[in-house]
Amino acid sequence: MKQEHDLITEFITQMEPKIKKSIKYTSFQERDDLEQEIKLKMVETVSRGVIKETPGFWEFKQSFE
């Protein structure tokens, strides 16, 4: 459980600049709610184990052939 918590924390920390940049385009009143919702979805995704290794370009291309 501790390892999963650390993984989630690290993931959110790494994505923080992208989240902040993306919510700049949202109205000021909605930013905090949107940021919280994005982080919640990230936690749910990591908890379900949906994130797996990202395929390389050629593996990705091959999956469509």
C-alpha atoms as a PDB file:
ATOM      1  CA  MET A   1       0.000   0.000   0.000  1.00  0.00           C
ATOM      2  CA  LYS A   2       2.831   2.390   0.870  1.00  0.00           C
ATOM      3  CA  GLN A   3       4.478   1.668  -2.473  1.00  0.00           C
ATOM      4  CA  GLU A   4       1.243   2.443  -4.335  1.00  0.00           C
ATOM      5  CA  HIS A   5       0.848   5.689  -2.368  1.00  0.00           C
ATOM      6  CA  ASP A   6       4.422   6.689  -3.258  1.00  0.00           C
ATOM      7  CA  LEU A   7       3.802   5.869  -6.916  1.00  0.00           C
ATOM      8  CA  ILE A   8       0.649   7.979  -6.999  1.00  0.00           C
ATOM      9  CA  THR A   9       2.362  10.881  -5.225  1.00  0.00           C
ATOM     10  CA  GLU A  10       5.314  10.771  -7.624  1.00  0.00           C
ATOM     11  CA  PHE A  11       3.003  10.590 -10.640  1.00  0.00           C
ATOM     12  CA  ILE A  12       0.961  13.598  -9.531  1.00  0.00           C
ATOM     13  CA  THR A  13       4.117  15.559  -8.702  1.00  0.00           C
ATOM     14  CA  GLN A  14       5.533  14.874 -12.164  1.00  0.00           C
ATOM     15  CA  MET A  15       2.288  15.911 -13.851  1.00  0.00           C
ATOM     16  CA  GLU A  16       1.772  19.052 -11.731  1.00  0.00           C
ATOM     17  CA  PRO A  17       3.345  21.494 -14.252  1.00  0.00           C
ATOM     18  CA  LYS A  18       1.193  20.105 -17.086  1.00  0.00           C
ATOM     19  CA  ILE A  19      -1.944  20.291 -14.956  1.00  0.00           C
ATOM     20  CA  LYS A  20      -1.204  23.900 -13.959  1.00  0.00           C
ATOM     21  CA  LYS A  21      -0.514  24.849 -17.575  1.00  0.00           C
ATOM     22  CA  SER A  22      -3.702  23.203 -18.808  1.00  0.00           C
ATOM     23  CA  ILE A  23      -6.019  24.782 -16.258  1.00  0.00           C
ATOM     24  CA  LYS A  24      -4.842  28.280 -17.200  1.00  0.00           C
ATOM     25  CA  TYR A  25      -7.325  28.089 -20.067  1.00  0.00           C
ATOM     26  CA  THR A  26     -10.232  27.520 -17.670  1.00  0.00           C
ATOM     27  CA  SER A  27     -12.199  30.247 -15.956  1.00  0.00           C
ATOM     28  CA  PHE A  28     -10.682  31.360 -12.670  1.00  0.00           C
ATOM     29  CA  GLN A  29     -13.652  30.146 -10.624  1.00  0.00           C
ATOM     30  CA  GLU A  30     -13.377  26.611 -12.030  1.00  0.00           C
ATOM     31  CA  ARG A  31      -9.607  26.064 -11.753  1.00  0.00           C
ATOM     32  CA  ASP A  32      -9.407  24.585  -8.262  1.00  0.00           C
ATOM     33  CA  ASP A  33     -12.289  22.209  -8.922  1.00  0.00           C
ATOM     34  CA  LEU A  34     -10.838  21.112 -12.245  1.00  0.00           C
ATOM     35  CA  GLU A  35      -7.369  20.569 -10.777  1.00  0.00           C
ATOM     36  CA  GLN A  36      -8.838  18.466  -7.986  1.00  0.00           C
ATOM     37  CA  GLU A  37     -10.928  16.438 -10.444  1.00  0.00           C
ATOM     38  CA  ILE A  38      -7.916  15.770 -12.687  1.00  0.00           C
ATOM     39  CA  LYS A  39      -5.873  14.570  -9.719  1.00  0.00           C
ATOM     40  CA  LEU A  40      -8.738  12.370  -8.549  1.00  0.00           C
ATOM     41  CA  LYS A  41      -8.964  10.727 -11.978  1.00  0.00           C
ATOM     42  CA  MET A  42      -5.199  10.178 -11.943  1.00  0.00           C
ATOM     43  CA  VAL A  43      -5.408   8.463  -8.540  1.00  0.00           C
ATOM     44  CA  GLU A  44      -8.290   6.273  -9.725  1.00  0.00           C
ATOM     45  CA  THR A  45      -6.397   5.310 -12.877  1.00  0.00           C
ATOM     46  CA  VAL A  46      -3.197   4.395 -11.061  1.00  0.00           C
ATOM     47  CA  SER A  47      -5.138   2.522  -8.365  1.00  0.00           C
ATOM     48  CA  ARG A  48      -6.894   0.378 -10.965  1.00  0.00           C
ATOM     49  CA  GLY A  49      -3.557  -0.431 -12.572  1.00  0.00           C
ATOM     50  CA  VAL A  50      -4.633   0.927 -15.928  1.00  0.00           C
ATOM     51  CA  ILE A  51      -1.278   2.566 -16.582  1.00  0.00           C
ATOM     52  CA  LYS A  52       1.098   0.020 -18.033  1.00  0.00           C
ATOM     53  CA  GLU A  53       4.323   0.338 -19.931  1.00  0.00           C
ATOM     54  CA  THR A  54       3.989   2.708 -22.825  1.00  0.00           C
ATOM     55  CA  PRO A  55       4.724   0.934 -26.101  1.00  0.00           C
ATOM     56  CA  GLY A  56       7.465   2.206 -28.341  1.00  0.00           C
ATOM     57  CA  PHE A  57       6.639   3.673 -31.729  1.00  0.00           C
ATOM     58  CA  TRP A  58       7.179   0.443 -33.669  1.00  0.00           C
ATOM     59  CA  GLU A  59       5.167  -1.637 -31.191  1.00  0.00           C
ATOM     60  CA  PHE A  60       2.367   0.905 -31.365  1.00  0.00           C
ATOM     61  CA  LYS A  61       2.456   0.888 -35.169  1.00  0.00           C
ATOM     62  CA  GLN A  62       2.491  -2.898 -35.245  1.00  0.00           C
ATOM     63  CA  SER A  63      -0.645  -3.056 -33.104  1.00  0.00           C
ATOM     64  CA  PHE A  64      -2.586  -1.476 -36.001  1.00  0.00           C
ATOM     65  CA  GLU A  65      -1.337  -3.872 -38.666  1.00  0.00           C
END
